[in-house]
Amino acid sequence: MITEIGITAGEIWHYLDRHERATLDQLTQGINRPKELVLMSLGWLAREGHINLGDQKSNYEARLSASSHS
């Protein structure tokens, strides 16, 4: 499961690199992964400082942090 979370985290990173920001629903549809897996991967990326997350009002909008942007 850890490997799947890591792979999905990479897919999220690439999606955000192309789209700048995305909501949870957009990510789930954009990378075609289950919502639970996307949430776990977002947590991983947030913990590592690679993304910034908005609050629930923004449907957990995510964007790459300045230090992670290529």
PDB file of N, CA and C in Angstrom:
ATOM      1  N   MET A   1       0.808  -1.197   0.000  1.00  0.00           N
ATOM      2  CA  MET A   1       0.000   0.000   0.000  1.00  0.00           C
ATOM      3  C   MET A   1       0.855   1.266   0.000  1.00  0.00           C
ATOM      4  N   ILE A   2       1.972   1.242   0.706  1.00  0.00           N
ATOM      5  CA  ILE A   2       2.868   2.397   0.741  1.00  0.00           C
ATOM      6  C   ILE A   2       3.362   2.730  -0.665  1.00  0.00           C
ATOM      7  N   THR A   3       3.670   1.715  -1.441  1.00  0.00           N
ATOM      8  CA  THR A   3       4.135   1.940  -2.814  1.00  0.00           C
ATOM      9  C   THR A   3       3.049   2.611  -3.636  1.00  0.00           C
ATOM     10  N   GLU A   4       1.809   2.149  -3.494  1.00  0.00           N
ATOM     11  CA  GLU A   4       0.689   2.726  -4.241  1.00  0.00           C
ATOM     12  C   GLU A   4       0.454   4.189  -3.841  1.00  0.00           C
ATOM     13  N   ILE A   5       0.598   4.490  -2.552  1.00  0.00           N
ATOM     14  CA  ILE A   5       0.461   5.869  -2.087  1.00  0.00           C
ATOM     15  C   ILE A   5       1.563   6.732  -2.694  1.00  0.00           C
ATOM     16  N   GLY A   6       2.775   6.216  -2.721  1.00  0.00           N
ATOM     17  CA  GLY A   6       3.893   6.965  -3.300  1.00  0.00           C
ATOM     18  C   GLY A   6       3.729   7.208  -4.790  1.00  0.00           C
ATOM     19  N   ILE A   7       3.272   6.210  -5.507  1.00  0.00           N
ATOM     20  CA  ILE A   7       3.046   6.361  -6.951  1.00  0.00           C
ATOM     21  C   ILE A   7       1.960   7.406  -7.196  1.00  0.00           C
ATOM     22  N   THR A   8       0.896   7.324  -6.419  1.00  0.00           N
ATOM     23  CA  THR A   8      -0.191   8.289  -6.560  1.00  0.00           C
ATOM     24  C   THR A   8       0.274   9.697  -6.191  1.00  0.00           C
ATOM     25  N   ALA A   9       1.107   9.814  -5.188  1.00  0.00           N
ATOM     26  CA  ALA A   9       1.670  11.115  -4.821  1.00  0.00           C
ATOM     27  C   ALA A   9       2.448  11.712  -5.996  1.00  0.00           C
ATOM     28  N   GLY A  10       3.198  10.880  -6.696  1.00  0.00           N
ATOM     29  CA  GLY A  10       3.918  11.349  -7.883  1.00  0.00           C
ATOM     30  C   GLY A  10       2.969  11.801  -8.978  1.00  0.00           C
ATOM     31  N   GLU A  11       1.885  11.081  -9.164  1.00  0.00           N
ATOM     32  CA  GLU A  11       0.893  11.467 -10.166  1.00  0.00           C
ATOM     33  C   GLU A  11       0.236  12.800  -9.792  1.00  0.00           C
ATOM     34  N   ILE A  12      -0.032  12.989  -8.511  1.00  0.00           N
ATOM     35  CA  ILE A  12      -0.604  14.253  -8.045  1.00  0.00           C
ATOM     36  C   ILE A  12       0.379  15.386  -8.295  1.00  0.00           C
ATOM     37  N   TRP A  13       1.631  15.171  -7.957  1.00  0.00           N
ATOM     38  CA  TRP A  13       2.658  16.204  -8.153  1.00  0.00           C
ATOM     39  C   TRP A  13       2.709  16.624  -9.619  1.00  0.00           C
ATOM     40  N   HIS A  14       2.714  15.655 -10.518  1.00  0.00           N
ATOM     41  CA  HIS A  14       2.764  15.975 -11.952  1.00  0.00           C
ATOM     42  C   HIS A  14       1.486  16.677 -12.406  1.00  0.00           C
ATOM     43  N   TYR A  15       0.348  16.256 -11.898  1.00  0.00           N
ATOM     44  CA  TYR A  15      -0.923  16.908 -12.237  1.00  0.00           C
ATOM     45  C   TYR A  15      -0.894  18.370 -11.807  1.00  0.00           C
ATOM     46  N   LEU A  16      -0.449  18.617 -10.567  1.00  0.00           N
ATOM     47  CA  LEU A  16      -0.386  19.992 -10.068  1.00  0.00           C
ATOM     48  C   LEU A  16       0.671  20.811 -10.801  1.00  0.00           C
ATOM     49  N   ASP A  17       1.731  20.198 -11.234  1.00  0.00           N
ATOM     50  CA  ASP A  17       2.757  20.902 -12.001  1.00  0.00           C
ATOM     51  C   ASP A  17       2.184  21.396 -13.329  1.00  0.00           C
ATOM     52  N   ARG A  18       1.272  20.620 -13.912  1.00  0.00           N
ATOM     53  CA  ARG A  18       0.639  21.008 -15.182  1.00  0.00           C
ATOM     54  C   ARG A  18      -0.525  21.972 -14.994  1.00  0.00           C
ATOM     55  N   HIS A  19      -1.274  21.831 -13.882  1.00  0.00           N
ATOM     56  CA  HIS A  19      -2.512  22.588 -13.711  1.00  0.00           C
ATOM     57  C   HIS A  19      -2.440  23.682 -12.644  1.00  0.00           C
ATOM     58  N   GLU A  20      -1.351  23.796 -11.957  1.00  0.00           N
ATOM     59  CA  GLU A  20      -1.098  24.786 -10.904  1.00  0.00           C
ATOM     60  C   GLU A  20      -1.855  24.508  -9.610  1.00  0.00           C
ATOM     61  N   ARG A  21      -3.166  24.255  -9.672  1.00  0.00           N
ATOM     62  CA  ARG A  21      -3.948  23.960  -8.476  1.00  0.00           C
ATOM     63  C   ARG A  21      -5.103  23.055  -8.851  1.00  0.00           C
ATOM     64  N   ALA A  22      -5.645  22.374  -7.876  1.00  0.00           N
ATOM     65  CA  ALA A  22      -6.772  21.473  -8.135  1.00  0.00           C
ATOM     66  C   ALA A  22      -7.484  21.160  -6.833  1.00  0.00           C
ATOM     67  N   THR A  23      -8.776  20.931  -6.930  1.00  0.00           N
ATOM     68  CA  THR A  23      -9.554  20.484  -5.780  1.00  0.00           C
ATOM     69  C   THR A  23      -9.411  18.971  -5.656  1.00  0.00           C
ATOM     70  N   LEU A  24      -9.879  18.453  -4.544  1.00  0.00           N
ATOM     71  CA  LEU A  24      -9.851  17.007  -4.332  1.00  0.00           C
ATOM     72  C   LEU A  24     -10.607  16.288  -5.446  1.00  0.00           C
ATOM     73  N   ASP A  25     -11.775  16.792  -5.802  1.00  0.00           N
ATOM     74  CA  ASP A  25     -12.559  16.157  -6.864  1.00  0.00           C
ATOM     75  C   ASP A  25     -11.831  16.202  -8.207  1.00  0.00           C
ATOM     76  N   GLN A  26     -11.201  17.326  -8.519  1.00  0.00           N
ATOM     77  CA  GLN A  26     -10.456  17.430  -9.778  1.00  0.00           C
ATOM     78  C   GLN A  26      -9.287  16.452  -9.805  1.00  0.00           C
ATOM     79  N   LEU A  27      -8.582  16.331  -8.700  1.00  0.00           N
ATOM     80  CA  LEU A  27      -7.462  15.380  -8.640  1.00  0.00           C
ATOM     81  C   LEU A  27      -7.946  13.949  -8.799  1.00  0.00           C
ATOM     82  N   THR A  28      -9.007  13.615  -8.080  1.00  0.00           N
ATOM     83  CA  THR A  28      -9.535  12.247  -8.140  1.00  0.00           C
ATOM     84  C   THR A  28      -9.911  11.876  -9.570  1.00  0.00           C
ATOM     85  N   GLN A  29     -10.560  12.781 -10.261  1.00  0.00           N
ATOM     86  CA  GLN A  29     -10.944  12.521 -11.649  1.00  0.00           C
ATOM     87  C   GLN A  29      -9.744  12.618 -12.590  1.00  0.00           C
ATOM     88  N   GLY A  30      -8.872  13.594 -12.350  1.00  0.00           N
ATOM     89  CA  GLY A  30      -7.749  13.845 -13.246  1.00  0.00           C
ATOM     90  C   GLY A  30      -6.719  12.737 -13.295  1.00  0.00           C
ATOM     91  N   ILE A  31      -6.509  12.079 -12.157  1.00  0.00           N
ATOM     92  CA  ILE A  31      -5.531  10.988 -12.150  1.00  0.00           C
ATOM     93  C   ILE A  31      -6.203   9.627 -12.071  1.00  0.00           C
ATOM     94  N   ASN A  32      -7.533   9.635 -12.011  1.00  0.00           N
ATOM     95  CA  ASN A  32      -8.328   8.405 -12.037  1.00  0.00           C
ATOM     96  C   ASN A  32      -7.915   7.426 -10.926  1.00  0.00           C
ATOM     97  N   ARG A  33      -7.925   7.949  -9.699  1.00  0.00           N
ATOM     98  CA  ARG A  33      -7.603   7.140  -8.523  1.00  0.00           C
ATOM     99  C   ARG A  33      -8.726   7.286  -7.493  1.00  0.00           C
ATOM    100  N   PRO A  34      -8.913   6.299  -6.618  1.00  0.00           N
ATOM    101  CA  PRO A  34      -9.938   6.410  -5.580  1.00  0.00           C
ATOM    102  C   PRO A  34      -9.663   7.587  -4.639  1.00  0.00           C
ATOM    103  N   LYS A  35     -10.731   8.220  -4.170  1.00  0.00           N
ATOM    104  CA  LYS A  35     -10.613   9.398  -3.303  1.00  0.00           C
ATOM    105  C   LYS A  35      -9.776   9.099  -2.064  1.00  0.00           C
ATOM    106  N   GLU A  36      -9.947   7.926  -1.463  1.00  0.00           N
ATOM    107  CA  GLU A  36      -9.202   7.579  -0.256  1.00  0.00           C
ATOM    108  C   GLU A  36      -7.695   7.545  -0.522  1.00  0.00           C
ATOM    109  N   LEU A  37      -7.315   7.003  -1.674  1.00  0.00           N
ATOM    110  CA  LEU A  37      -5.902   6.937  -2.039  1.00  0.00           C
ATOM    111  C   LEU A  37      -5.350   8.335  -2.311  1.00  0.00           C
ATOM    112  N   VAL A  38      -6.137   9.169  -2.967  1.00  0.00           N
ATOM    113  CA  VAL A  38      -5.717  10.548  -3.227  1.00  0.00           C
ATOM    114  C   VAL A  38      -5.520  11.286  -1.898  1.00  0.00           C
ATOM    115  N   LEU A  39      -6.431  11.097  -0.953  1.00  0.00           N
ATOM    116  CA  LEU A  39      -6.292  11.751   0.349  1.00  0.00           C
ATOM    117  C   LEU A  39      -5.028  11.308   1.079  1.00  0.00           C
ATOM    118  N   MET A  40      -4.736  10.016   1.061  1.00  0.00           N
ATOM    119  CA  MET A  40      -3.511   9.527   1.706  1.00  0.00           C
ATOM    120  C   MET A  40      -2.274  10.120   1.040  1.00  0.00           C
ATOM    121  N   SER A  41      -2.293  10.204  -0.271  1.00  0.00           N
ATOM    122  CA  SER A  41      -1.150  10.737  -1.015  1.00  0.00           C
ATOM    123  C   SER A  41      -0.999  12.233  -0.799  1.00  0.00           C
ATOM    124  N   LEU A  42      -2.120  12.952  -0.706  1.00  0.00           N
ATOM    125  CA  LEU A  42      -2.057  14.380  -0.387  1.00  0.00           C
ATOM    126  C   LEU A  42      -1.444  14.589   0.990  1.00  0.00           C
ATOM    127  N   GLY A  43      -1.817  13.744   1.942  1.00  0.00           N
ATOM    128  CA  GLY A  43      -1.236  13.834   3.278  1.00  0.00           C
ATOM    129  C   GLY A  43       0.272  13.625   3.243  1.00  0.00           C
ATOM    130  N   TRP A  44       0.710  12.661   2.467  1.00  0.00           N
ATOM    131  CA  TRP A  44       2.144  12.392   2.319  1.00  0.00           C
ATOM    132  C   TRP A  44       2.849  13.631   1.762  1.00  0.00           C
ATOM    133  N   LEU A  45       2.306  14.172   0.664  1.00  0.00           N
ATOM    134  CA  LEU A  45       2.919  15.338   0.023  1.00  0.00           C
ATOM    135  C   LEU A  45       2.910  16.552   0.955  1.00  0.00           C
ATOM    136  N   ALA A  46       1.824  16.745   1.685  1.00  0.00           N
ATOM    137  CA  ALA A  46       1.744  17.871   2.615  1.00  0.00           C
ATOM    138  C   ALA A  46       2.760  17.711   3.744  1.00  0.00           C
ATOM    139  N   ARG A  47       2.882  16.520   4.280  1.00  0.00           N
ATOM    140  CA  ARG A  47       3.826  16.265   5.368  1.00  0.00           C
ATOM    141  C   ARG A  47       5.265  16.508   4.928  1.00  0.00           C
ATOM    142  N   GLU A  48       5.553  16.186   3.682  1.00  0.00           N
ATOM    143  CA  GLU A  48       6.899  16.385   3.146  1.00  0.00           C
ATOM    144  C   GLU A  48       7.141  17.831   2.694  1.00  0.00           C
ATOM    145  N   GLY A  49       6.093  18.666   2.759  1.00  0.00           N
ATOM    146  CA  GLY A  49       6.244  20.073   2.392  1.00  0.00           C
ATOM    147  C   GLY A  49       6.196  20.343   0.895  1.00  0.00           C
ATOM    148  N   HIS A  50       5.709  19.384   0.116  1.00  0.00           N
ATOM    149  CA  HIS A  50       5.680  19.542  -1.337  1.00  0.00           C
ATOM    150  C   HIS A  50       4.445  20.262  -1.853  1.00  0.00           C
ATOM    151  N   ILE A  51       3.369  20.273  -1.038  1.00  0.00           N
ATOM    152  CA  ILE A  51       2.144  20.949  -1.454  1.00  0.00           C
ATOM    153  C   ILE A  51       1.590  21.781  -0.316  1.00  0.00           C
ATOM    154  N   ASN A  52       0.744  22.721  -0.672  1.00  0.00           N
ATOM    155  CA  ASN A  52      -0.039  23.483   0.289  1.00  0.00           C
ATOM    156  C   ASN A  52      -1.493  23.117   0.056  1.00  0.00           C
ATOM    157  N   LEU A  53      -2.237  22.940   1.132  1.00  0.00           N
ATOM    158  CA  LEU A  53      -3.641  22.576   1.029  1.00  0.00           C
ATOM    159  C   LEU A  53      -4.512  23.698   1.555  1.00  0.00           C
ATOM    160  N   GLY A  54      -5.626  23.965   0.833  1.00  0.00           N
ATOM    161  CA  GLY A  54      -6.628  24.898   1.314  1.00  0.00           C
ATOM    162  C   GLY A  54      -7.529  24.206   2.312  1.00  0.00           C
ATOM    163  N   ASP A  55      -8.523  24.922   2.808  1.00  0.00           N
ATOM    164  CA  ASP A  55      -9.428  24.327   3.779  1.00  0.00           C
ATOM    165  C   ASP A  55     -10.610  23.651   3.095  1.00  0.00           C
ATOM    166  N   GLN A  56     -11.518  23.130   3.901  1.00  0.00           N
ATOM    167  CA  GLN A  56     -12.645  22.374   3.362  1.00  0.00           C
ATOM    168  C   GLN A  56     -13.556  23.249   2.509  1.00  0.00           C
ATOM    169  N   LYS A  57     -13.629  24.548   2.785  1.00  0.00           N
ATOM    170  CA  LYS A  57     -14.450  25.445   1.974  1.00  0.00           C
ATOM    171  C   LYS A  57     -13.995  25.452   0.525  1.00  0.00           C
ATOM    172  N   SER A  58     -12.708  25.235   0.298  1.00  0.00           N
ATOM    173  CA  SER A  58     -12.181  25.200  -1.066  1.00  0.00           C
ATOM    174  C   SER A  58     -12.108  23.768  -1.590  1.00  0.00           C
ATOM    175  N   ASN A  59     -12.827  22.846  -0.919  1.00  0.00           N
ATOM    176  CA  ASN A  59     -12.813  21.429  -1.298  1.00  0.00           C
ATOM    177  C   ASN A  59     -11.391  20.888  -1.291  1.00  0.00           C
ATOM    178  N   TYR A  60     -10.642  21.306  -0.279  1.00  0.00           N
ATOM    179  CA  TYR A  60      -9.251  20.871  -0.122  1.00  0.00           C
ATOM    180  C   TYR A  60      -8.411  21.157  -1.365  1.00  0.00           C
ATOM    181  N   GLU A  61      -8.452  22.389  -1.814  1.00  0.00           N
ATOM    182  CA  GLU A  61      -7.650  22.770  -2.974  1.00  0.00           C
ATOM    183  C   GLU A  61      -6.166  22.589  -2.647  1.00  0.00           C
ATOM    184  N   ALA A  62      -5.449  21.992  -3.587  1.00  0.00           N
ATOM    185  CA  ALA A  62      -4.019  21.736  -3.414  1.00  0.00           C
ATOM    186  C   ALA A  62      -3.236  22.485  -4.470  1.00  0.00           C
ATOM    187  N   ARG A  63      -2.039  22.883  -4.112  1.00  0.00           N
ATOM    188  CA  ARG A  63      -1.104  23.480  -5.060  1.00  0.00           C
ATOM    189  C   ARG A  63       0.307  23.145  -4.612  1.00  0.00           C
ATOM    190  N   LEU A  64       1.237  23.118  -5.541  1.00  0.00           N
ATOM    191  CA  LEU A  64       2.619  22.832  -5.177  1.00  0.00           C
ATOM    192  C   LEU A  64       3.164  23.969  -4.342  1.00  0.00           C
ATOM    193  N   SER A  65       3.989  23.642  -3.366  1.00  0.00           N
ATOM    194  CA  SER A  65       4.645  24.686  -2.591  1.00  0.00           C
ATOM    195  C   SER A  65       5.726  25.313  -3.448  1.00  0.00           C
ATOM    196  N   ALA A  66       6.129  26.518  -3.097  1.00  0.00           N
ATOM    197  CA  ALA A  66       7.126  27.242  -3.887  1.00  0.00           C
ATOM    198  C   ALA A  66       8.427  26.468  -4.009  1.00  0.00           C
ATOM    199  N   SER A  67       8.827  25.765  -2.952  1.00  0.00           N
ATOM    200  CA  SER A  67      10.094  25.037  -2.975  1.00  0.00           C
ATOM    201  C   SER A  67      10.028  23.761  -3.819  1.00  0.00           C
ATOM    202  N   SER A  68       8.817  23.278  -4.137  1.00  0.00           N
ATOM    203  CA  SER A  68       8.689  22.047  -4.905  1.00  0.00           C
ATOM    204  C   SER A  68       8.423  22.285  -6.371  1.00  0.00           C
ATOM    205  N   HIS A  69       8.135  23.515  -6.735  1.00  0.00           N
ATOM    206  CA  HIS A  69       7.804  23.813  -8.132  1.00  0.00           C
ATOM    207  C   HIS A  69       9.065  23.777  -8.986  1.00  0.00           C
ATOM    208  N   SER A  70       8.940  23.141 -10.153  1.00  0.00           N
ATOM    209  CA  SER A  70      10.111  23.027 -11.029  1.00  0.00           C
ATOM    210  C   SER A  70      10.291  24.224 -11.906  1.00  0.00           C
TER     211      SER A  70
END
